[in-house]
Amino acid sequence: MVVGKWASRSYLSGAVAGDPASHERASLGDRIGWEPVIMLGSVILILTGLSAGLSPDVLPISVALFLLGLGWNFCYVGGSALQTDQLSTAEQSRMQGANDLFVGFASAIRGLGSRFVFAAVGYQTMGIIGAAFAIFPLAFVPNEVISIGSNVTSFFLPDS
């Protein structure tokens, strides 16, 4: 029960703390673009999957779950913002609803299926499988996004 509470708190704090759309000045996506936000989320998810099974102790699992929430949030919010930017106002609500429905179904299937994968291969291998799936969004990142250079530094350095 105690580990379950720590796990929930760690994941949710990562998901809430990493909201790239809730910044005081300008959102991370507005400053560097939503594609780099998705790329950063994918990299965080890959690191999470690779590090999740390193130790059964509460602290490493809590850190991994925090990073899971953070990476998921960057990918989800970035993808939703990209989708909204590409659609007309009339299409936005219908497509966002369809997207949310798809994500809900995919999450349910993943939730139900993960217990079988866990039983068959274990926690560490399941993390590696998750890291492999997190590589998928990187395949769709345009080449110009990889060299974002000044846009990233302009987010972290104040305007002068």
N, C-alpha and C. Protein backbone atom coordinates (compact mmCIF):
# COMPACT_ATOMS: atom_id res chain seq x y z
N MET A 1 0.83 -1.19 0.00
CA MET A 1 0.00 0.00 0.00
C MET A 1 0.87 1.26 0.00
N VAL A 2 1.94 1.25 0.80
CA VAL A 2 2.82 2.42 0.88
C VAL A 2 3.52 2.64 -0.46
N VAL A 3 4.00 1.57 -1.09
CA VAL A 3 4.68 1.71 -2.37
C VAL A 3 3.70 2.22 -3.42
N GLY A 4 2.46 1.77 -3.38
CA GLY A 4 1.45 2.25 -4.31
C GLY A 4 1.22 3.74 -4.20
N LYS A 5 1.18 4.27 -2.97
CA LYS A 5 1.01 5.70 -2.78
C LYS A 5 2.22 6.47 -3.31
N TRP A 6 3.43 5.97 -3.04
CA TRP A 6 4.65 6.62 -3.56
C TRP A 6 4.66 6.58 -5.07
N ALA A 7 4.26 5.46 -5.65
CA ALA A 7 4.26 5.33 -7.10
C ALA A 7 3.29 6.33 -7.72
N SER A 8 2.09 6.42 -7.18
CA SER A 8 1.10 7.36 -7.71
C SER A 8 1.56 8.80 -7.58
N ARG A 9 2.09 9.14 -6.42
CA ARG A 9 2.55 10.51 -6.20
C ARG A 9 3.71 10.86 -7.12
N SER A 10 4.62 9.94 -7.32
CA SER A 10 5.78 10.21 -8.18
C SER A 10 5.36 10.43 -9.61
N TYR A 11 4.50 9.57 -10.12
CA TYR A 11 4.05 9.70 -11.51
C TYR A 11 3.26 10.99 -11.69
N LEU A 12 2.31 11.25 -10.81
CA LEU A 12 1.46 12.43 -10.96
C LEU A 12 2.25 13.72 -10.79
N SER A 13 3.23 13.75 -9.91
CA SER A 13 4.02 14.97 -9.76
C SER A 13 4.83 15.23 -11.02
N GLY A 14 5.31 14.19 -11.68
CA GLY A 14 6.01 14.37 -12.95
C GLY A 14 5.08 14.86 -14.04
N ALA A 15 3.88 14.33 -14.06
CA ALA A 15 2.91 14.73 -15.08
C ALA A 15 2.46 16.17 -14.89
N VAL A 16 2.30 16.61 -13.64
CA VAL A 16 1.83 17.96 -13.38
C VAL A 16 2.99 18.96 -13.45
N ALA A 17 4.13 18.61 -12.88
CA ALA A 17 5.26 19.54 -12.86
C ALA A 17 5.82 19.79 -14.25
N GLY A 18 5.69 18.82 -15.12
CA GLY A 18 6.28 18.97 -16.44
C GLY A 18 5.37 19.52 -17.49
N ASP A 19 4.27 20.14 -17.10
CA ASP A 19 3.34 20.64 -18.10
C ASP A 19 4.01 21.74 -18.92
N PRO A 20 4.38 21.44 -20.18
CA PRO A 20 5.09 22.43 -20.97
C PRO A 20 4.22 23.60 -21.40
N ALA A 21 2.92 23.54 -21.14
CA ALA A 21 2.04 24.62 -21.52
C ALA A 21 1.74 25.57 -20.36
N SER A 22 2.25 25.29 -19.16
CA SER A 22 1.92 26.14 -18.02
C SER A 22 3.17 26.85 -17.50
N HIS A 23 3.61 27.80 -18.24
CA HIS A 23 4.77 28.58 -17.85
C HIS A 23 4.33 30.02 -17.64
N GLU A 24 5.04 30.75 -16.78
CA GLU A 24 4.68 32.13 -16.52
C GLU A 24 4.88 32.99 -17.76
N ARG A 25 6.07 32.94 -18.33
CA ARG A 25 6.36 33.82 -19.47
C ARG A 25 5.70 33.29 -20.72
N ALA A 26 6.28 32.34 -21.31
CA ALA A 26 5.72 31.71 -22.51
C ALA A 26 5.97 30.23 -22.38
N SER A 27 5.13 29.46 -23.00
CA SER A 27 5.29 28.01 -22.86
C SER A 27 6.54 27.55 -23.58
N LEU A 28 7.04 26.43 -23.15
CA LEU A 28 8.21 25.83 -23.77
C LEU A 28 7.97 25.58 -25.25
N GLY A 29 6.80 25.11 -25.59
CA GLY A 29 6.47 24.85 -26.98
C GLY A 29 6.42 26.11 -27.82
N ASP A 30 5.96 27.21 -27.24
CA ASP A 30 5.93 28.47 -27.98
C ASP A 30 7.34 29.02 -28.18
N ARG A 31 8.22 28.72 -27.27
CA ARG A 31 9.59 29.25 -27.36
C ARG A 31 10.48 28.44 -28.29
N ILE A 32 10.41 27.13 -28.23
CA ILE A 32 11.32 26.31 -29.04
C ILE A 32 10.58 25.47 -30.08
N GLY A 33 9.26 25.43 -30.03
CA GLY A 33 8.49 24.63 -30.97
C GLY A 33 8.01 23.34 -30.31
N TRP A 34 6.88 22.84 -30.81
CA TRP A 34 6.30 21.64 -30.20
C TRP A 34 7.03 20.36 -30.61
N GLU A 35 7.66 20.35 -31.77
CA GLU A 35 8.41 19.16 -32.18
C GLU A 35 9.58 18.88 -31.23
N PRO A 36 10.38 19.91 -30.86
CA PRO A 36 11.43 19.65 -29.87
C PRO A 36 10.90 19.22 -28.50
N VAL A 37 9.71 19.72 -28.13
CA VAL A 37 9.11 19.30 -26.85
C VAL A 37 8.78 17.81 -26.91
N ILE A 38 8.22 17.37 -28.04
CA ILE A 38 7.92 15.95 -28.21
C ILE A 38 9.21 15.14 -28.21
N MET A 39 10.24 15.65 -28.87
CA MET A 39 11.52 14.96 -28.92
C MET A 39 12.12 14.84 -27.51
N LEU A 40 12.05 15.91 -26.73
CA LEU A 40 12.54 15.88 -25.36
C LEU A 40 11.74 14.87 -24.53
N GLY A 41 10.42 14.85 -24.70
CA GLY A 41 9.58 13.88 -24.00
C GLY A 41 9.95 12.45 -24.35
N SER A 42 10.22 12.20 -25.64
CA SER A 42 10.62 10.86 -26.06
C SER A 42 11.94 10.45 -25.44
N VAL A 43 12.89 11.37 -25.40
CA VAL A 43 14.19 11.06 -24.79
C VAL A 43 14.02 10.76 -23.29
N ILE A 44 13.18 11.54 -22.62
CA ILE A 44 12.92 11.30 -21.19
C ILE A 44 12.27 9.92 -21.01
N LEU A 45 11.33 9.56 -21.88
CA LEU A 45 10.68 8.25 -21.78
C LEU A 45 11.67 7.12 -22.05
N ILE A 46 12.58 7.31 -22.98
CA ILE A 46 13.60 6.29 -23.24
C ILE A 46 14.47 6.09 -22.01
N LEU A 47 14.94 7.19 -21.41
CA LEU A 47 15.76 7.09 -20.20
C LEU A 47 14.98 6.45 -19.06
N THR A 48 13.70 6.75 -18.97
CA THR A 48 12.86 6.14 -17.94
C THR A 48 12.78 4.64 -18.12
N GLY A 49 12.51 4.20 -19.34
CA GLY A 49 12.40 2.77 -19.61
C GLY A 49 13.69 2.02 -19.33
N LEU A 50 14.81 2.65 -19.66
CA LEU A 50 16.09 1.99 -19.44
C LEU A 50 16.51 1.97 -17.98
N SER A 51 16.06 2.97 -17.21
CA SER A 51 16.47 3.04 -15.80
C SER A 51 15.45 2.47 -14.83
N ALA A 52 14.24 2.19 -15.30
CA ALA A 52 13.16 1.77 -14.40
C ALA A 52 13.48 0.50 -13.63
N GLY A 53 14.10 -0.46 -14.25
CA GLY A 53 14.32 -1.75 -13.60
C GLY A 53 15.67 -1.90 -12.93
N LEU A 54 16.39 -0.80 -12.75
CA LEU A 54 17.73 -0.91 -12.18
C LEU A 54 17.74 -1.30 -10.71
N SER A 55 16.73 -0.88 -9.97
CA SER A 55 16.69 -1.17 -8.55
C SER A 55 15.24 -1.32 -8.08
N PRO A 56 14.99 -2.28 -7.19
CA PRO A 56 13.62 -2.43 -6.67
C PRO A 56 13.31 -1.49 -5.50
N ASP A 57 14.26 -0.64 -5.12
CA ASP A 57 14.03 0.27 -4.00
C ASP A 57 13.03 1.36 -4.37
N VAL A 58 12.46 1.98 -3.36
CA VAL A 58 11.40 2.97 -3.57
C VAL A 58 11.94 4.22 -4.27
N LEU A 59 13.09 4.74 -3.88
CA LEU A 59 13.59 5.98 -4.45
C LEU A 59 13.86 5.88 -5.96
N PRO A 60 14.61 4.87 -6.44
CA PRO A 60 14.81 4.79 -7.90
C PRO A 60 13.52 4.60 -8.69
N ILE A 61 12.60 3.83 -8.14
CA ILE A 61 11.32 3.64 -8.83
C ILE A 61 10.53 4.95 -8.82
N SER A 62 10.59 5.70 -7.72
CA SER A 62 9.90 6.99 -7.67
C SER A 62 10.46 7.96 -8.68
N VAL A 63 11.78 8.00 -8.82
CA VAL A 63 12.42 8.88 -9.82
C VAL A 63 11.99 8.45 -11.22
N ALA A 64 12.01 7.15 -11.48
CA ALA A 64 11.61 6.65 -12.80
C ALA A 64 10.15 6.99 -13.09
N LEU A 65 9.28 6.88 -12.10
CA LEU A 65 7.88 7.20 -12.31
C LEU A 65 7.67 8.71 -12.51
N PHE A 66 8.44 9.52 -11.80
CA PHE A 66 8.39 10.97 -12.02
C PHE A 66 8.78 11.29 -13.46
N LEU A 67 9.87 10.68 -13.93
CA LEU A 67 10.31 10.91 -15.31
C LEU A 67 9.29 10.38 -16.32
N LEU A 68 8.63 9.28 -15.98
CA LEU A 68 7.58 8.74 -16.85
C LEU A 68 6.46 9.77 -17.03
N GLY A 69 6.01 10.35 -15.93
CA GLY A 69 4.97 11.38 -16.01
C GLY A 69 5.43 12.60 -16.78
N LEU A 70 6.66 13.01 -16.56
CA LEU A 70 7.22 14.18 -17.24
C LEU A 70 7.32 13.93 -18.75
N GLY A 71 7.88 12.81 -19.13
CA GLY A 71 8.03 12.49 -20.55
C GLY A 71 6.69 12.31 -21.24
N TRP A 72 5.77 11.62 -20.57
CA TRP A 72 4.44 11.44 -21.15
C TRP A 72 3.77 12.79 -21.36
N ASN A 73 3.89 13.68 -20.37
CA ASN A 73 3.26 14.98 -20.48
C ASN A 73 3.83 15.78 -21.63
N PHE A 74 5.14 15.80 -21.79
CA PHE A 74 5.76 16.54 -22.88
C PHE A 74 5.25 16.00 -24.22
N CYS A 75 5.20 14.69 -24.37
CA CYS A 75 4.75 14.09 -25.63
C CYS A 75 3.27 14.36 -25.87
N TYR A 76 2.45 14.19 -24.86
CA TYR A 76 1.00 14.33 -25.02
C TYR A 76 0.60 15.78 -25.28
N VAL A 77 1.12 16.70 -24.48
CA VAL A 77 0.77 18.11 -24.67
C VAL A 77 1.35 18.63 -25.98
N GLY A 78 2.59 18.24 -26.29
CA GLY A 78 3.19 18.65 -27.55
C GLY A 78 2.42 18.13 -28.75
N GLY A 79 2.03 16.87 -28.71
CA GLY A 79 1.26 16.30 -29.80
C GLY A 79 -0.11 16.94 -29.94
N SER A 80 -0.76 17.20 -28.82
CA SER A 80 -2.07 17.86 -28.86
C SER A 80 -1.96 19.27 -29.42
N ALA A 81 -0.92 19.99 -29.03
CA ALA A 81 -0.72 21.35 -29.54
C ALA A 81 -0.42 21.34 -31.03
N LEU A 82 0.40 20.40 -31.47
CA LEU A 82 0.69 20.28 -32.91
C LEU A 82 -0.58 19.97 -33.68
N GLN A 83 -1.38 19.07 -33.15
CA GLN A 83 -2.62 18.71 -33.82
C GLN A 83 -3.54 19.93 -33.90
N THR A 84 -3.67 20.66 -32.84
CA THR A 84 -4.53 21.84 -32.82
C THR A 84 -4.03 22.90 -33.80
N ASP A 85 -2.72 23.08 -33.88
CA ASP A 85 -2.15 24.07 -34.79
C ASP A 85 -2.41 23.73 -36.25
N GLN A 86 -2.55 22.46 -36.58
CA GLN A 86 -2.71 22.03 -37.96
C GLN A 86 -4.16 21.97 -38.42
N LEU A 87 -5.10 22.10 -37.52
CA LEU A 87 -6.51 21.93 -37.86
C LEU A 87 -7.24 23.27 -37.87
N SER A 88 -8.31 23.32 -38.63
CA SER A 88 -9.17 24.51 -38.60
C SER A 88 -9.97 24.49 -37.29
N THR A 89 -10.55 25.63 -36.97
CA THR A 89 -11.32 25.74 -35.73
C THR A 89 -12.49 24.75 -35.72
N ALA A 90 -13.11 24.54 -36.87
CA ALA A 90 -14.25 23.62 -36.94
C ALA A 90 -13.83 22.17 -36.71
N GLU A 91 -12.60 21.82 -37.07
CA GLU A 91 -12.12 20.44 -36.95
C GLU A 91 -11.53 20.13 -35.58
N GLN A 92 -11.09 21.15 -34.86
CA GLN A 92 -10.31 20.94 -33.64
C GLN A 92 -11.01 20.10 -32.59
N SER A 93 -12.23 20.43 -32.22
CA SER A 93 -12.88 19.71 -31.12
C SER A 93 -13.16 18.26 -31.50
N ARG A 94 -13.59 18.03 -32.74
CA ARG A 94 -13.90 16.66 -33.15
C ARG A 94 -12.63 15.80 -33.20
N MET A 95 -11.57 16.35 -33.75
CA MET A 95 -10.32 15.58 -33.84
C MET A 95 -9.69 15.39 -32.46
N GLN A 96 -9.77 16.40 -31.60
CA GLN A 96 -9.22 16.25 -30.25
C GLN A 96 -10.00 15.20 -29.48
N GLY A 97 -11.31 15.17 -29.66
CA GLY A 97 -12.13 14.13 -29.02
C GLY A 97 -11.78 12.75 -29.52
N ALA A 98 -11.59 12.62 -30.83
CA ALA A 98 -11.19 11.33 -31.40
C ALA A 98 -9.82 10.92 -30.90
N ASN A 99 -8.91 11.88 -30.80
CA ASN A 99 -7.57 11.60 -30.28
C ASN A 99 -7.63 11.14 -28.82
N ASP A 100 -8.41 11.84 -28.01
CA ASP A 100 -8.54 11.45 -26.61
C ASP A 100 -9.17 10.07 -26.46
N LEU A 101 -10.14 9.76 -27.32
CA LEU A 101 -10.76 8.44 -27.30
C LEU A 101 -9.73 7.36 -27.64
N PHE A 102 -8.92 7.60 -28.67
CA PHE A 102 -7.88 6.66 -29.07
C PHE A 102 -6.86 6.47 -27.95
N VAL A 103 -6.43 7.56 -27.33
CA VAL A 103 -5.47 7.47 -26.23
C VAL A 103 -6.07 6.69 -25.06
N GLY A 104 -7.35 6.92 -24.77
CA GLY A 104 -8.01 6.18 -23.70
C GLY A 104 -8.07 4.68 -23.97
N PHE A 105 -8.44 4.32 -25.19
CA PHE A 105 -8.48 2.90 -25.55
C PHE A 105 -7.08 2.28 -25.52
N ALA A 106 -6.10 3.00 -26.05
CA ALA A 106 -4.73 2.49 -26.05
C ALA A 106 -4.21 2.31 -24.62
N SER A 107 -4.55 3.25 -23.75
CA SER A 107 -4.14 3.14 -22.35
C SER A 107 -4.80 1.95 -21.66
N ALA A 108 -6.06 1.73 -21.95
CA ALA A 108 -6.77 0.59 -21.36
C ALA A 108 -6.16 -0.72 -21.82
N ILE A 109 -5.90 -0.83 -23.11
CA ILE A 109 -5.29 -2.06 -23.65
C ILE A 109 -3.90 -2.25 -23.05
N ARG A 110 -3.13 -1.17 -22.96
CA ARG A 110 -1.79 -1.25 -22.37
C ARG A 110 -1.88 -1.66 -20.90
N GLY A 111 -2.83 -1.09 -20.19
CA GLY A 111 -2.99 -1.42 -18.78
C GLY A 111 -3.36 -2.87 -18.56
N LEU A 112 -4.24 -3.37 -19.39
CA LEU A 112 -4.65 -4.77 -19.27
C LEU A 112 -3.55 -5.73 -19.73
N GLY A 113 -2.86 -5.36 -20.79
CA GLY A 113 -1.83 -6.24 -21.34
C GLY A 113 -0.52 -6.22 -20.59
N SER A 114 -0.25 -5.13 -19.86
CA SER A 114 1.05 -5.02 -19.20
C SER A 114 1.25 -6.09 -18.12
N ARG A 115 0.18 -6.53 -17.50
CA ARG A 115 0.36 -7.56 -16.47
C ARG A 115 0.84 -8.88 -17.07
N PHE A 116 0.40 -9.18 -18.30
CA PHE A 116 0.85 -10.40 -18.96
C PHE A 116 2.31 -10.28 -19.39
N VAL A 117 2.67 -9.09 -19.89
CA VAL A 117 4.07 -8.86 -20.28
C VAL A 117 4.95 -8.92 -19.03
N PHE A 118 4.51 -8.28 -17.94
CA PHE A 118 5.26 -8.30 -16.69
C PHE A 118 5.46 -9.73 -16.19
N ALA A 119 4.41 -10.53 -16.23
CA ALA A 119 4.50 -11.91 -15.77
C ALA A 119 5.42 -12.74 -16.66
N ALA A 120 5.45 -12.43 -17.95
CA ALA A 120 6.24 -13.22 -18.88
C ALA A 120 7.72 -12.84 -18.89
N VAL A 121 8.02 -11.53 -18.83
CA VAL A 121 9.41 -11.11 -19.02
C VAL A 121 10.01 -10.33 -17.85
N GLY A 122 9.21 -9.83 -16.93
CA GLY A 122 9.73 -9.11 -15.78
C GLY A 122 9.73 -7.59 -15.98
N TYR A 123 10.01 -6.89 -14.89
CA TYR A 123 9.92 -5.43 -14.86
C TYR A 123 10.99 -4.76 -15.71
N GLN A 124 12.22 -5.24 -15.61
CA GLN A 124 13.31 -4.60 -16.34
C GLN A 124 13.12 -4.74 -17.86
N THR A 125 12.74 -5.91 -18.32
CA THR A 125 12.51 -6.11 -19.75
C THR A 125 11.30 -5.31 -20.22
N MET A 126 10.31 -5.19 -19.35
CA MET A 126 9.15 -4.37 -19.70
C MET A 126 9.57 -2.90 -19.87
N GLY A 127 10.49 -2.42 -19.04
CA GLY A 127 11.01 -1.06 -19.19
C GLY A 127 11.76 -0.87 -20.50
N ILE A 128 12.52 -1.89 -20.90
CA ILE A 128 13.25 -1.82 -22.17
C ILE A 128 12.28 -1.81 -23.34
N ILE A 129 11.22 -2.60 -23.25
CA ILE A 129 10.19 -2.59 -24.30
C ILE A 129 9.54 -1.20 -24.38
N GLY A 130 9.27 -0.62 -23.23
CA GLY A 130 8.71 0.74 -23.20
C GLY A 130 9.66 1.76 -23.82
N ALA A 131 10.96 1.62 -23.54
CA ALA A 131 11.95 2.52 -24.14
C ALA A 131 11.98 2.36 -25.65
N ALA A 132 11.83 1.14 -26.13
CA ALA A 132 11.81 0.90 -27.57
C ALA A 132 10.59 1.59 -28.21
N PHE A 133 9.45 1.53 -27.56
CA PHE A 133 8.26 2.22 -28.09
C PHE A 133 8.43 3.74 -28.05
N ALA A 134 9.19 4.24 -27.08
CA ALA A 134 9.40 5.68 -26.96
C ALA A 134 10.30 6.22 -28.07
N ILE A 135 11.01 5.35 -28.76
CA ILE A 135 11.84 5.78 -29.89
C ILE A 135 10.94 6.16 -31.08
N PHE A 136 9.77 5.59 -31.16
CA PHE A 136 8.86 5.78 -32.29
C PHE A 136 8.63 7.24 -32.66
N PRO A 137 8.31 8.15 -31.72
CA PRO A 137 8.09 9.55 -32.11
C PRO A 137 9.34 10.22 -32.70
N LEU A 138 10.51 9.76 -32.32
CA LEU A 138 11.74 10.36 -32.85
C LEU A 138 11.90 10.11 -34.34
N ALA A 139 11.29 9.06 -34.84
CA ALA A 139 11.40 8.75 -36.27
C ALA A 139 10.65 9.77 -37.12
N PHE A 140 9.74 10.51 -36.52
CA PHE A 140 8.93 11.47 -37.26
C PHE A 140 9.35 12.92 -37.04
N VAL A 141 10.46 13.13 -36.32
CA VAL A 141 10.93 14.48 -36.07
C VAL A 141 11.69 14.97 -37.31
N PRO A 142 11.28 16.09 -37.88
CA PRO A 142 11.99 16.61 -39.05
C PRO A 142 13.45 16.93 -38.74
N ASN A 143 14.31 16.86 -39.74
CA ASN A 143 15.74 17.09 -39.55
C ASN A 143 16.04 18.49 -39.02
N GLU A 144 15.27 19.48 -39.43
CA GLU A 144 15.56 20.84 -38.97
C GLU A 144 15.29 21.01 -37.49
N VAL A 145 14.46 20.17 -36.91
CA VAL A 145 14.18 20.27 -35.47
C VAL A 145 15.38 19.81 -34.66
N ILE A 146 16.15 18.89 -35.20
CA ILE A 146 17.30 18.36 -34.46
C ILE A 146 18.34 19.45 -34.24
N SER A 147 18.42 20.42 -35.12
CA SER A 147 19.38 21.51 -34.95
C SER A 147 18.67 22.79 -34.52
N ILE A 148 18.01 22.74 -33.37
CA ILE A 148 17.22 23.88 -32.91
C ILE A 148 18.08 24.96 -32.25
N GLY A 149 19.26 24.63 -31.82
CA GLY A 149 20.28 25.55 -31.32
C GLY A 149 19.79 26.77 -30.59
N SER A 150 19.68 27.91 -31.29
CA SER A 150 19.40 29.19 -30.64
C SER A 150 18.01 29.23 -30.02
N ASN A 151 17.06 28.47 -30.53
CA ASN A 151 15.73 28.47 -29.94
C ASN A 151 15.75 27.92 -28.51
N VAL A 152 16.55 26.89 -28.28
CA VAL A 152 16.63 26.31 -26.94
C VAL A 152 17.29 27.29 -25.99
N THR A 153 18.40 27.89 -26.41
CA THR A 153 19.08 28.82 -25.52
C THR A 153 18.23 30.06 -25.27
N SER A 154 17.41 30.48 -26.24
CA SER A 154 16.57 31.66 -26.02
C SER A 154 15.48 31.39 -24.98
N PHE A 155 15.11 30.11 -24.82
CA PHE A 155 14.12 29.80 -23.78
C PHE A 155 14.74 29.95 -22.39
N PHE A 156 15.98 29.51 -22.24
CA PHE A 156 16.61 29.49 -20.93
C PHE A 156 17.27 30.83 -20.57
N LEU A 157 17.59 31.64 -21.56
CA LEU A 157 18.18 32.94 -21.30
C LEU A 157 17.13 34.02 -21.47
N PRO A 158 17.06 34.96 -20.54
CA PRO A 158 16.03 36.01 -20.66
C PRO A 158 16.30 36.90 -21.87
N ASP A 159 15.22 37.47 -22.39
CA ASP A 159 15.35 38.40 -23.51
C ASP A 159 16.06 39.65 -23.05
N SER A 160 16.93 40.17 -23.92
CA SER A 160 17.64 41.39 -23.53
C SER A 160 17.40 42.49 -24.51
